[in-house]
Amino acid sequence: IKMEYRKLIKFGNSSHVVSIPNEWIKRNNLKKGDTLYLSENGSNELILSPKVDTTNLNGGVKEIIIDISNCTTNDIKTKLTSAYLNDHTEIKITGSNLKQNISFVRECIQNLVALEIVEQTGDSIITRDFLNMNEVSVKDLIRKMDIITRSMISELPLILKENASEFMRQREMDVNKLFYVVLRVVRAGLKNPQYANTIKCSSTYLFIAWNIANHIEKIADHIAELANYATKGKFTEGEIRFINSTFTDINKFYSDVMKAYYNSDLELAYKVTSYKRGFISNLTGNIIISKKSKNPIFSYMLDRLIIITNEINNVARRVYS
């Protein structure tokens, strides 16, 4: 990054002037008389923009047509989610196989916040994005993601008593829905300083928010995986006691790290990281034992718990870094 310096020049009684590098003027195709935009980013810095990107933040329409012919269900989900994340306000879904995949397509649409079907025919579906980006609160979104994930962790003992995989999958999908909105807000705020000011978020806060939301989303994903694999295994009484004890520890681990995040409590975040080291060492030791006893499902579940623990610790690292 090239750093240049300019002197402040007084202009009239109430203004000051700063010269702008000619290279930047040429790169942005600017000329005398063009309007530039100034905004504060929340860090006592001024951001100079050659234009304001107001795409879809003030009622603009951005259309896309998705042809799902010859697409797998994973392809359909990926394309639809991508269109949503890239702020397409109107999505038209067509394809020779639409009728065969209509239920799946509708499920994908339902899993995206404020995306609604406005027209459906035999060969197409048209959706409209009704999300008001100016009324979205990143802080509230993270709170909601946290509440759902916290409930998933507190109910982990259920997966050893009954088939809770579908129950956990639905919760995990709810977390994903909120995470997608966080992604859209963060991208819009980093791209458009005026929008970031509207929602009262600095670029630094937006980056941290994305990081925290990303780790919470991954924790929810791994919990859903745990619930799915628990249905495939049989465990000894000793293994059940150990897993349940680990669930209890992870519940406290997660509660402490989110408390540290909300309160900016560095000391509590340090304690989480310190506790994590011994905790993972204990889990690793039991994985070695379980491999000798030839219980791959038990080993897999302990491995997932290690990954969850590392994701929780990543939140702690974000607090003290």
C-alpha atoms as a PDB file:
ATOM      1  CA  ILE A   1       0.000   0.000   0.000  1.00  0.00           C
ATOM      2  CA  LYS A   2       1.451   3.310  -1.076  1.00  0.00           C
ATOM      3  CA  MET A   3       1.191   6.042   1.560  1.00  0.00           C
ATOM      4  CA  GLU A   4       1.181   9.663   0.407  1.00  0.00           C
ATOM      5  CA  TYR A   5       1.108  12.865   2.431  1.00  0.00           C
ATOM      6  CA  ARG A   6      -0.728  16.104   1.747  1.00  0.00           C
ATOM      7  CA  LYS A   7      -0.715  19.439   3.550  1.00  0.00           C
ATOM      8  CA  LEU A   8      -3.944  21.046   4.677  1.00  0.00           C
ATOM      9  CA  ILE A   9      -4.573  24.365   2.943  1.00  0.00           C
ATOM     10  CA  LYS A  10      -6.982  26.949   4.358  1.00  0.00           C
ATOM     11  CA  PHE A  11      -9.649  28.007   1.857  1.00  0.00           C
ATOM     12  CA  GLY A  12     -11.896  30.949   2.755  1.00  0.00           C
ATOM     13  CA  ASN A  13     -13.214  31.404   6.266  1.00  0.00           C
ATOM     14  CA  SER A  14     -14.731  27.983   6.928  1.00  0.00           C
ATOM     15  CA  SER A  15     -13.098  25.410   4.656  1.00  0.00           C
ATOM     16  CA  HIS A  16      -9.814  23.675   4.039  1.00  0.00           C
ATOM     17  CA  VAL A  17      -8.458  22.016   0.899  1.00  0.00           C
ATOM     18  CA  VAL A  18      -6.393  18.866   0.326  1.00  0.00           C
ATOM     19  CA  SER A  19      -4.938  18.036  -3.097  1.00  0.00           C
ATOM     20  CA  ILE A  20      -5.792  14.618  -4.562  1.00  0.00           C
ATOM     21  CA  PRO A  21      -3.197  12.427  -6.341  1.00  0.00           C
ATOM     22  CA  ASN A  22      -3.544  12.683 -10.108  1.00  0.00           C
ATOM     23  CA  GLU A  23      -3.118   8.908 -10.486  1.00  0.00           C
ATOM     24  CA  TRP A  24      -6.287   8.322  -8.418  1.00  0.00           C
ATOM     25  CA  ILE A  25      -8.171  10.919 -10.509  1.00  0.00           C
ATOM     26  CA  LYS A  26      -7.243   9.123 -13.742  1.00  0.00           C
ATOM     27  CA  ARG A  27      -7.981   5.654 -12.370  1.00  0.00           C
ATOM     28  CA  ASN A  28     -11.511   6.712 -11.447  1.00  0.00           C
ATOM     29  CA  ASN A  29     -12.112   8.645 -14.682  1.00  0.00           C
ATOM     30  CA  LEU A  30     -12.755  11.904 -12.858  1.00  0.00           C
ATOM     31  CA  LYS A  31     -12.592  15.437 -14.203  1.00  0.00           C
ATOM     32  CA  LYS A  32     -13.004  18.989 -13.007  1.00  0.00           C
ATOM     33  CA  GLY A  33     -16.482  19.591 -11.611  1.00  0.00           C
ATOM     34  CA  ASP A  34     -17.236  15.947 -10.695  1.00  0.00           C
ATOM     35  CA  THR A  35     -18.758  15.306  -7.270  1.00  0.00           C
ATOM     36  CA  LEU A  36     -16.830  13.323  -4.664  1.00  0.00           C
ATOM     37  CA  TYR A  37     -18.304  11.829  -1.523  1.00  0.00           C
ATOM     38  CA  LEU A  38     -16.876  12.046   1.987  1.00  0.00           C
ATOM     39  CA  SER A  39     -17.858   9.867   4.920  1.00  0.00           C
ATOM     40  CA  GLU A  40     -16.491   8.993   8.351  1.00  0.00           C
ATOM     41  CA  ASN A  41     -15.818   5.313   9.029  1.00  0.00           C
ATOM     42  CA  GLY A  42     -16.165   5.427  12.820  1.00  0.00           C
ATOM     43  CA  SER A  43     -12.403   5.383  13.416  1.00  0.00           C
ATOM     44  CA  ASN A  44     -11.928   9.149  13.075  1.00  0.00           C
ATOM     45  CA  GLU A  45     -10.987   8.684   9.422  1.00  0.00           C
ATOM     46  CA  LEU A  46     -12.491  10.241   6.308  1.00  0.00           C
ATOM     47  CA  ILE A  47     -13.233   8.018   3.326  1.00  0.00           C
ATOM     48  CA  LEU A  48     -13.206   9.655  -0.100  1.00  0.00           C
ATOM     49  CA  SER A  49     -15.322   7.922  -2.762  1.00  0.00           C
ATOM     50  CA  PRO A  50     -15.750   8.748  -6.459  1.00  0.00           C
ATOM     51  CA  LYS A  51     -19.337   7.477  -6.294  1.00  0.00           C
ATOM     52  CA  VAL A  52     -21.859   6.097  -3.852  1.00  0.00           C
ATOM     53  CA  ASP A  53     -22.920   2.501  -4.400  1.00  0.00           C
ATOM     54  CA  THR A  54     -26.576   2.480  -3.500  1.00  0.00           C
ATOM     55  CA  THR A  55     -27.373  -0.770  -5.320  1.00  0.00           C
ATOM     56  CA  ASN A  56     -30.419  -2.367  -3.761  1.00  0.00           C
ATOM     57  CA  LEU A  57     -30.120  -0.321  -0.567  1.00  0.00           C
ATOM     58  CA  ASN A  58     -32.694   2.229  -1.646  1.00  0.00           C
ATOM     59  CA  GLY A  59     -35.170   0.203  -3.650  1.00  0.00           C
ATOM     60  CA  GLY A  60     -33.037  -0.589  -6.704  1.00  0.00           C
ATOM     61  CA  VAL A  61     -33.812  -3.740  -8.717  1.00  0.00           C
ATOM     62  CA  LYS A  62     -31.143  -6.273  -9.583  1.00  0.00           C
ATOM     63  CA  GLU A  63     -32.400  -9.256 -11.576  1.00  0.00           C
ATOM     64  CA  ILE A  64     -30.945 -12.661 -12.365  1.00  0.00           C
ATOM     65  CA  ILE A  65     -32.210 -15.762 -14.172  1.00  0.00           C
ATOM     66  CA  ILE A  66     -31.092 -19.159 -12.851  1.00  0.00           C
ATOM     67  CA  ASP A  67     -31.499 -22.112 -15.190  1.00  0.00           C
ATOM     68  CA  ILE A  68     -31.405 -25.287 -13.110  1.00  0.00           C
ATOM     69  CA  SER A  69     -31.545 -27.696 -16.054  1.00  0.00           C
ATOM     70  CA  ASN A  70     -29.090 -30.579 -15.459  1.00  0.00           C
ATOM     71  CA  CYS A  71     -28.306 -29.205 -11.969  1.00  0.00           C
ATOM     72  CA  THR A  72     -27.995 -31.409  -8.896  1.00  0.00           C
ATOM     73  CA  THR A  73     -29.788 -30.325  -5.721  1.00  0.00           C
ATOM     74  CA  ASN A  74     -26.455 -29.079  -4.354  1.00  0.00           C
ATOM     75  CA  ASP A  75     -25.955 -26.998  -7.500  1.00  0.00           C
ATOM     76  CA  ILE A  76     -29.448 -25.527  -7.179  1.00  0.00           C
ATOM     77  CA  LYS A  77     -28.869 -24.572  -3.555  1.00  0.00           C
ATOM     78  CA  THR A  78     -25.458 -23.067  -4.350  1.00  0.00           C
ATOM     79  CA  LYS A  79     -26.731 -20.953  -7.258  1.00  0.00           C
ATOM     80  CA  LEU A  80     -29.766 -19.677  -5.364  1.00  0.00           C
ATOM     81  CA  THR A  81     -27.750 -18.843  -2.254  1.00  0.00           C
ATOM     82  CA  SER A  82     -25.120 -17.083  -4.368  1.00  0.00           C
ATOM     83  CA  ALA A  83     -27.765 -14.917  -6.053  1.00  0.00           C
ATOM     84  CA  TYR A  84     -29.182 -14.011  -2.642  1.00  0.00           C
ATOM     85  CA  LEU A  85     -25.783 -13.154  -1.147  1.00  0.00           C
ATOM     86  CA  ASN A  86     -24.983 -10.984  -4.175  1.00  0.00           C
ATOM     87  CA  ASP A  87     -28.059  -8.825  -3.513  1.00  0.00           C
ATOM     88  CA  HIS A  88     -30.201  -9.879  -6.466  1.00  0.00           C
ATOM     89  CA  THR A  89     -33.601  -8.499  -5.535  1.00  0.00           C
ATOM     90  CA  GLU A  90     -35.477 -10.511  -8.175  1.00  0.00           C
ATOM     91  CA  ILE A  91     -34.535 -14.101  -8.945  1.00  0.00           C
ATOM     92  CA  LYS A  92     -36.204 -16.082 -11.723  1.00  0.00           C
ATOM     93  CA  ILE A  93     -35.696 -19.840 -11.525  1.00  0.00           C
ATOM     94  CA  THR A  94     -36.342 -21.876 -14.672  1.00  0.00           C
ATOM     95  CA  GLY A  95     -35.353 -25.245 -16.076  1.00  0.00           C
ATOM     96  CA  SER A  96     -36.605 -28.402 -17.698  1.00  0.00           C
ATOM     97  CA  ASN A  97     -36.370 -30.208 -14.345  1.00  0.00           C
ATOM     98  CA  LEU A  98     -38.067 -27.517 -12.228  1.00  0.00           C
ATOM     99  CA  LYS A  99     -41.219 -29.572 -11.659  1.00  0.00           C
ATOM    100  CA  GLN A 100     -39.213 -32.518 -10.358  1.00  0.00           C
ATOM    101  CA  ASN A 101     -37.287 -30.232  -7.977  1.00  0.00           C
ATOM    102  CA  ILE A 102     -40.085 -27.845  -7.023  1.00  0.00           C
ATOM    103  CA  SER A 103     -40.248 -28.940  -3.355  1.00  0.00           C
ATOM    104  CA  PHE A 104     -36.493 -28.609  -2.933  1.00  0.00           C
ATOM    105  CA  VAL A 105     -36.417 -25.196  -4.623  1.00  0.00           C
ATOM    106  CA  ARG A 106     -39.203 -23.932  -2.356  1.00  0.00           C
ATOM    107  CA  GLU A 107     -37.338 -25.240   0.700  1.00  0.00           C
ATOM    108  CA  CYS A 108     -34.178 -23.386  -0.384  1.00  0.00           C
ATOM    109  CA  ILE A 109     -36.172 -20.173  -0.790  1.00  0.00           C
ATOM    110  CA  GLN A 110     -37.736 -20.576   2.656  1.00  0.00           C
ATOM    111  CA  ASN A 111     -34.261 -20.871   4.156  1.00  0.00           C
ATOM    112  CA  LEU A 112     -33.284 -17.372   2.986  1.00  0.00           C
ATOM    113  CA  VAL A 113     -34.486 -14.476   5.133  1.00  0.00           C
ATOM    114  CA  ALA A 114     -37.107 -12.189   3.498  1.00  0.00           C
ATOM    115  CA  LEU A 115     -36.948 -13.969   0.140  1.00  0.00           C
ATOM    116  CA  GLU A 116     -40.514 -14.588  -1.022  1.00  0.00           C
ATOM    117  CA  ILE A 117     -42.142 -16.240  -4.025  1.00  0.00           C
ATOM    118  CA  VAL A 118     -44.148 -13.608  -5.911  1.00  0.00           C
ATOM    119  CA  GLU A 119     -45.012 -15.643  -9.001  1.00  0.00           C
ATOM    120  CA  GLN A 120     -45.052 -19.324  -9.873  1.00  0.00           C
ATOM    121  CA  THR A 121     -45.956 -20.996 -13.186  1.00  0.00           C
ATOM    122  CA  GLY A 122     -45.412 -24.442 -14.611  1.00  0.00           C
ATOM    123  CA  ASP A 123     -41.949 -23.583 -15.881  1.00  0.00           C
ATOM    124  CA  SER A 124     -40.641 -20.818 -13.586  1.00  0.00           C
ATOM    125  CA  ILE A 125     -40.568 -19.334 -10.104  1.00  0.00           C
ATOM    126  CA  ILE A 126     -39.933 -15.648  -9.454  1.00  0.00           C
ATOM    127  CA  THR A 127     -38.786 -14.508  -6.022  1.00  0.00           C
ATOM    128  CA  ARG A 128     -38.455 -11.031  -4.559  1.00  0.00           C
ATOM    129  CA  ASP A 129     -36.082  -9.957  -1.795  1.00  0.00           C
ATOM    130  CA  PHE A 130     -37.985  -7.906   0.804  1.00  0.00           C
ATOM    131  CA  LEU A 131     -35.078  -7.455   3.221  1.00  0.00           C
ATOM    132  CA  ASN A 132     -34.713  -3.824   4.313  1.00  0.00           C
ATOM    133  CA  MET A 133     -30.954  -3.486   4.677  1.00  0.00           C
ATOM    134  CA  ASN A 134     -31.275  -0.118   6.411  1.00  0.00           C
ATOM    135  CA  GLU A 135     -33.154  -1.683   9.320  1.00  0.00           C
ATOM    136  CA  VAL A 136     -30.834  -4.641   9.897  1.00  0.00           C
ATOM    137  CA  SER A 137     -28.845  -4.807  13.156  1.00  0.00           C
ATOM    138  CA  VAL A 138     -25.678  -6.910  13.026  1.00  0.00           C
ATOM    139  CA  LYS A 139     -25.572  -6.993  16.811  1.00  0.00           C
ATOM    140  CA  ASP A 140     -29.111  -8.419  16.962  1.00  0.00           C
ATOM    141  CA  LEU A 141     -28.318 -10.986  14.273  1.00  0.00           C
ATOM    142  CA  ILE A 142     -25.330 -12.281  16.234  1.00  0.00           C
ATOM    143  CA  ARG A 143     -27.440 -12.387  19.400  1.00  0.00           C
ATOM    144  CA  LYS A 144     -30.050 -14.513  17.627  1.00  0.00           C
ATOM    145  CA  MET A 145     -27.378 -16.835  16.205  1.00  0.00           C
ATOM    146  CA  ASP A 146     -25.921 -17.168  19.691  1.00  0.00           C
ATOM    147  CA  ILE A 147     -29.292 -17.965  21.314  1.00  0.00           C
ATOM    148  CA  ILE A 148     -30.044 -20.746  18.831  1.00  0.00           C
ATOM    149  CA  THR A 149     -26.534 -22.220  19.066  1.00  0.00           C
ATOM    150  CA  ARG A 150     -26.600 -21.992  22.873  1.00  0.00           C
ATOM    151  CA  SER A 151     -29.861 -23.980  22.919  1.00  0.00           C
ATOM    152  CA  MET A 152     -28.328 -26.591  20.598  1.00  0.00           C
ATOM    153  CA  ILE A 153     -25.384 -27.043  22.961  1.00  0.00           C
ATOM    154  CA  SER A 154     -27.571 -27.214  26.067  1.00  0.00           C
ATOM    155  CA  GLU A 155     -29.662 -29.959  24.451  1.00  0.00           C
ATOM    156  CA  LEU A 156     -26.713 -32.056  23.233  1.00  0.00           C
ATOM    157  CA  PRO A 157     -27.436 -34.846  25.785  1.00  0.00           C
ATOM    158  CA  LEU A 158     -30.629 -35.560  23.802  1.00  0.00           C
ATOM    159  CA  ILE A 159     -28.634 -36.982  20.899  1.00  0.00           C
ATOM    160  CA  LEU A 160     -27.535 -39.947  23.054  1.00  0.00           C
ATOM    161  CA  LYS A 161     -31.117 -40.741  24.097  1.00  0.00           C
ATOM    162  CA  GLU A 162     -33.084 -40.298  20.891  1.00  0.00           C
ATOM    163  CA  ASN A 163     -32.757 -39.461  17.208  1.00  0.00           C
ATOM    164  CA  ALA A 164     -32.420 -35.673  17.380  1.00  0.00           C
ATOM    165  CA  SER A 165     -30.658 -35.240  14.029  1.00  0.00           C
ATOM    166  CA  GLU A 166     -33.591 -33.567  12.242  1.00  0.00           C
ATOM    167  CA  PHE A 167     -34.263 -31.340  15.249  1.00  0.00           C
ATOM    168  CA  MET A 168     -30.631 -30.170  15.298  1.00  0.00           C
ATOM    169  CA  ARG A 169     -30.542 -29.804  11.501  1.00  0.00           C
ATOM    170  CA  GLN A 170     -33.477 -27.407  11.593  1.00  0.00           C
ATOM    171  CA  ARG A 171     -31.762 -25.321  14.286  1.00  0.00           C
ATOM    172  CA  GLU A 172     -28.535 -25.287  12.278  1.00  0.00           C
ATOM    173  CA  MET A 173     -30.453 -24.072   9.217  1.00  0.00           C
ATOM    174  CA  ASP A 174     -31.905 -21.230  11.295  1.00  0.00           C
ATOM    175  CA  VAL A 175     -28.357 -20.189  12.224  1.00  0.00           C
ATOM    176  CA  ASN A 176     -27.318 -20.328   8.562  1.00  0.00           C
ATOM    177  CA  LYS A 177     -30.226 -18.076   7.556  1.00  0.00           C
ATOM    178  CA  LEU A 178     -29.064 -15.403   9.980  1.00  0.00           C
ATOM    179  CA  PHE A 179     -25.419 -15.828   8.972  1.00  0.00           C
ATOM    180  CA  TYR A 180     -26.263 -15.126   5.331  1.00  0.00           C
ATOM    181  CA  VAL A 181     -27.835 -11.817   6.365  1.00  0.00           C
ATOM    182  CA  VAL A 182     -24.713 -10.946   8.374  1.00  0.00           C
ATOM    183  CA  LEU A 183     -22.618 -11.628   5.263  1.00  0.00           C
ATOM    184  CA  ARG A 184     -24.789  -9.329   3.163  1.00  0.00           C
ATOM    185  CA  VAL A 185     -24.649  -6.506   5.692  1.00  0.00           C
ATOM    186  CA  VAL A 186     -20.883  -6.798   6.190  1.00  0.00           C
ATOM    187  CA  ARG A 187     -20.211  -6.804   2.443  1.00  0.00           C
ATOM    188  CA  ALA A 188     -22.501  -3.827   1.885  1.00  0.00           C
ATOM    189  CA  GLY A 189     -20.936  -1.899   4.767  1.00  0.00           C
ATOM    190  CA  LEU A 190     -17.353  -2.489   3.632  1.00  0.00           C
ATOM    191  CA  LYS A 191     -18.254  -1.612   0.048  1.00  0.00           C
ATOM    192  CA  ASN A 192     -20.348   1.440   0.875  1.00  0.00           C
ATOM    193  CA  PRO A 193     -19.172   3.707   3.754  1.00  0.00           C
ATOM    194  CA  GLN A 194     -22.445   5.653   3.600  1.00  0.00           C
ATOM    195  CA  TYR A 195     -24.390   2.478   4.303  1.00  0.00           C
ATOM    196  CA  ALA A 196     -22.019   1.590   7.167  1.00  0.00           C
ATOM    197  CA  ASN A 197     -22.749   5.004   8.671  1.00  0.00           C
ATOM    198  CA  THR A 198     -26.483   4.424   8.265  1.00  0.00           C
ATOM    199  CA  ILE A 199     -26.342   1.249  10.357  1.00  0.00           C
ATOM    200  CA  LYS A 200     -23.763   2.859  12.699  1.00  0.00           C
ATOM    201  CA  CYS A 201     -21.015   0.269  12.142  1.00  0.00           C
ATOM    202  CA  SER A 202     -17.333   0.939  11.565  1.00  0.00           C
ATOM    203  CA  SER A 203     -15.385  -1.197   9.118  1.00  0.00           C
ATOM    204  CA  THR A 204     -13.464  -2.685  12.066  1.00  0.00           C
ATOM    205  CA  TYR A 205     -16.671  -3.692  13.825  1.00  0.00           C
ATOM    206  CA  LEU A 206     -18.071  -5.221  10.633  1.00  0.00           C
ATOM    207  CA  PHE A 207     -14.968  -7.366  10.184  1.00  0.00           C
ATOM    208  CA  ILE A 208     -15.097  -8.550  13.813  1.00  0.00           C
ATOM    209  CA  ALA A 209     -18.838  -9.230  13.529  1.00  0.00           C
ATOM    210  CA  TRP A 210     -18.297 -11.350  10.423  1.00  0.00           C
ATOM    211  CA  ASN A 211     -15.537 -13.277  12.201  1.00  0.00           C
ATOM    212  CA  ILE A 212     -17.651 -13.992  15.296  1.00  0.00           C
ATOM    213  CA  ALA A 213     -20.716 -14.949  13.232  1.00  0.00           C
ATOM    214  CA  ASN A 214     -18.578 -17.258  11.099  1.00  0.00           C
ATOM    215  CA  HIS A 215     -17.344 -19.181  14.147  1.00  0.00           C
ATOM    216  CA  ILE A 216     -20.848 -19.454  15.634  1.00  0.00           C
ATOM    217  CA  GLU A 217     -22.163 -20.772  12.312  1.00  0.00           C
ATOM    218  CA  LYS A 218     -19.411 -23.412  12.206  1.00  0.00           C
ATOM    219  CA  ILE A 219     -20.173 -24.484  15.782  1.00  0.00           C
ATOM    220  CA  ALA A 220     -23.831 -25.006  14.850  1.00  0.00           C
ATOM    221  CA  ASP A 221     -22.791 -26.995  11.754  1.00  0.00           C
ATOM    222  CA  HIS A 222     -20.626 -29.363  13.781  1.00  0.00           C
ATOM    223  CA  ILE A 223     -23.328 -29.864  16.408  1.00  0.00           C
ATOM    224  CA  ALA A 224     -25.748 -30.911  13.648  1.00  0.00           C
ATOM    225  CA  GLU A 225     -23.094 -33.363  12.410  1.00  0.00           C
ATOM    226  CA  LEU A 226     -22.711 -34.739  15.943  1.00  0.00           C
ATOM    227  CA  ALA A 227     -26.438 -35.365  16.179  1.00  0.00           C
ATOM    228  CA  ASN A 228     -26.428 -37.157  12.839  1.00  0.00           C
ATOM    229  CA  TYR A 229     -23.523 -39.450  13.727  1.00  0.00           C
ATOM    230  CA  ALA A 230     -24.900 -40.229  17.182  1.00  0.00           C
ATOM    231  CA  THR A 231     -27.734 -42.128  15.482  1.00  0.00           C
ATOM    232  CA  LYS A 232     -25.217 -44.450  13.808  1.00  0.00           C
ATOM    233  CA  GLY A 233     -23.343 -45.660  16.877  1.00  0.00           C
ATOM    234  CA  LYS A 234     -23.694 -47.737  20.013  1.00  0.00           C
ATOM    235  CA  PHE A 235     -21.854 -46.638  23.120  1.00  0.00           C
ATOM    236  CA  THR A 236     -20.818 -48.233  26.381  1.00  0.00           C
ATOM    237  CA  GLU A 237     -22.009 -46.733  29.662  1.00  0.00           C
ATOM    238  CA  GLY A 238     -18.526 -45.361  30.228  1.00  0.00           C
ATOM    239  CA  GLU A 239     -18.484 -43.679  26.806  1.00  0.00           C
ATOM    240  CA  ILE A 240     -21.917 -42.149  27.424  1.00  0.00           C
ATOM    241  CA  ARG A 241     -20.774 -40.753  30.790  1.00  0.00           C
ATOM    242  CA  PHE A 242     -17.662 -39.268  29.204  1.00  0.00           C
ATOM    243  CA  ILE A 243     -19.559 -37.700  26.284  1.00  0.00           C
ATOM    244  CA  ASN A 244     -22.185 -36.197  28.582  1.00  0.00           C
ATOM    245  CA  SER A 245     -19.467 -34.799  30.846  1.00  0.00           C
ATOM    246  CA  THR A 246     -17.806 -33.290  27.767  1.00  0.00           C
ATOM    247  CA  PHE A 247     -21.134 -31.767  26.668  1.00  0.00           C
ATOM    248  CA  THR A 248     -21.427 -30.087  30.081  1.00  0.00           C
ATOM    249  CA  ASP A 249     -17.912 -28.671  29.812  1.00  0.00           C
ATOM    250  CA  ILE A 250     -18.506 -27.373  26.282  1.00  0.00           C
ATOM    251  CA  ASN A 251     -21.759 -25.745  27.405  1.00  0.00           C
ATOM    252  CA  LYS A 252     -19.864 -23.743  30.037  1.00  0.00           C
ATOM    253  CA  PHE A 253     -16.990 -23.138  27.635  1.00  0.00           C
ATOM    254  CA  TYR A 254     -19.346 -21.595  25.075  1.00  0.00           C
ATOM    255  CA  SER A 255     -21.307 -19.563  27.651  1.00  0.00           C
ATOM    256  CA  ASP A 256     -18.086 -18.100  29.033  1.00  0.00           C
ATOM    257  CA  VAL A 257     -16.691 -17.136  25.632  1.00  0.00           C
ATOM    258  CA  MET A 258     -19.876 -15.373  24.543  1.00  0.00           C
ATOM    259  CA  LYS A 259     -20.006 -13.561  27.879  1.00  0.00           C
ATOM    260  CA  ALA A 260     -16.417 -12.469  27.263  1.00  0.00           C
ATOM    261  CA  TYR A 261     -17.366 -11.248  23.791  1.00  0.00           C
ATOM    262  CA  TYR A 262     -20.424  -9.251  24.871  1.00  0.00           C
ATOM    263  CA  ASN A 263     -18.614  -7.673  27.832  1.00  0.00           C
ATOM    264  CA  SER A 264     -15.188  -7.311  26.147  1.00  0.00           C
ATOM    265  CA  ASP A 265     -13.830  -9.278  29.108  1.00  0.00           C
ATOM    266  CA  LEU A 266     -10.192 -10.018  28.242  1.00  0.00           C
ATOM    267  CA  GLU A 267      -9.477 -11.964  31.417  1.00  0.00           C
ATOM    268  CA  LEU A 268     -12.386 -14.339  30.851  1.00  0.00           C
ATOM    269  CA  ALA A 269     -11.267 -14.814  27.236  1.00  0.00           C
ATOM    270  CA  TYR A 270      -7.741 -15.653  28.458  1.00  0.00           C
ATOM    271  CA  LYS A 271      -9.212 -18.248  30.844  1.00  0.00           C
ATOM    272  CA  VAL A 272     -11.154 -19.867  28.019  1.00  0.00           C
ATOM    273  CA  THR A 273      -7.981 -20.284  25.966  1.00  0.00           C
ATOM    274  CA  SER A 274      -6.050 -21.576  28.967  1.00  0.00           C
ATOM    275  CA  TYR A 275      -8.765 -24.119  29.777  1.00  0.00           C
ATOM    276  CA  LYS A 276      -8.993 -25.230  26.148  1.00  0.00           C
ATOM    277  CA  ARG A 277      -5.456 -26.653  26.090  1.00  0.00           C
ATOM    278  CA  GLY A 278      -6.015 -29.236  28.832  1.00  0.00           C
ATOM    279  CA  PHE A 279      -9.528 -29.964  27.625  1.00  0.00           C
ATOM    280  CA  ILE A 280      -8.398 -30.890  24.107  1.00  0.00           C
ATOM    281  CA  SER A 281      -5.509 -32.936  25.479  1.00  0.00           C
ATOM    282  CA  ASN A 282      -8.015 -35.020  27.455  1.00  0.00           C
ATOM    283  CA  LEU A 283     -10.242 -35.511  24.398  1.00  0.00           C
ATOM    284  CA  THR A 284      -7.253 -36.507  22.252  1.00  0.00           C
ATOM    285  CA  GLY A 285      -6.235 -39.102  24.816  1.00  0.00           C
ATOM    286  CA  ASN A 286      -9.691 -40.646  24.744  1.00  0.00           C
ATOM    287  CA  ILE A 287      -9.667 -40.739  20.939  1.00  0.00           C
ATOM    288  CA  ILE A 288      -6.515 -42.878  21.100  1.00  0.00           C
ATOM    289  CA  ILE A 289      -8.206 -45.193  23.607  1.00  0.00           C
ATOM    290  CA  SER A 290     -11.391 -45.421  21.526  1.00  0.00           C
ATOM    291  CA  LYS A 291      -9.417 -46.402  18.421  1.00  0.00           C
ATOM    292  CA  LYS A 292      -7.943 -49.304  20.364  1.00  0.00           C
ATOM    293  CA  SER A 293     -11.447 -50.370  21.401  1.00  0.00           C
ATOM    294  CA  LYS A 294     -12.517 -50.054  17.742  1.00  0.00           C
ATOM    295  CA  ASN A 295     -15.458 -47.680  18.171  1.00  0.00           C
ATOM    296  CA  PRO A 296     -15.112 -45.328  15.157  1.00  0.00           C
ATOM    297  CA  ILE A 297     -18.326 -43.409  15.880  1.00  0.00           C
ATOM    298  CA  PHE A 298     -17.142 -42.572  19.391  1.00  0.00           C
ATOM    299  CA  SER A 299     -13.775 -41.440  17.951  1.00  0.00           C
ATOM    300  CA  TYR A 300     -15.513 -39.333  15.327  1.00  0.00           C
ATOM    301  CA  MET A 301     -17.731 -37.629  17.920  1.00  0.00           C
ATOM    302  CA  LEU A 302     -14.727 -36.774  20.081  1.00  0.00           C
ATOM    303  CA  ASP A 303     -12.987 -35.378  17.011  1.00  0.00           C
ATOM    304  CA  ARG A 304     -16.038 -33.144  16.289  1.00  0.00           C
ATOM    305  CA  LEU A 305     -15.985 -31.980  19.908  1.00  0.00           C
ATOM    306  CA  ILE A 306     -12.339 -30.964  19.514  1.00  0.00           C
ATOM    307  CA  ILE A 307     -13.246 -28.948  16.406  1.00  0.00           C
ATOM    308  CA  ILE A 308     -16.134 -27.279  18.265  1.00  0.00           C
ATOM    309  CA  THR A 309     -13.779 -26.444  21.125  1.00  0.00           C
ATOM    310  CA  ASN A 310     -11.302 -24.851  18.725  1.00  0.00           C
ATOM    311  CA  GLU A 311     -14.081 -22.762  17.155  1.00  0.00           C
ATOM    312  CA  ILE A 312     -15.143 -21.576  20.611  1.00  0.00           C
ATOM    313  CA  ASN A 313     -11.538 -20.690  21.360  1.00  0.00           C
ATOM    314  CA  ASN A 314     -11.354 -18.726  18.100  1.00  0.00           C
ATOM    315  CA  VAL A 315     -14.069 -16.451  19.492  1.00  0.00           C
ATOM    316  CA  ALA A 316     -11.950 -15.964  22.617  1.00  0.00           C
ATOM    317  CA  ARG A 317      -8.933 -15.098  20.470  1.00  0.00           C
ATOM    318  CA  ARG A 318     -10.987 -12.486  18.641  1.00  0.00           C
ATOM    319  CA  VAL A 319     -11.903 -10.912  21.995  1.00  0.00           C
ATOM    320  CA  TYR A 320      -8.326 -10.469  23.199  1.00  0.00           C
ATOM    321  CA  SER A 321      -6.749  -9.770  19.807  1.00  0.00           C
END
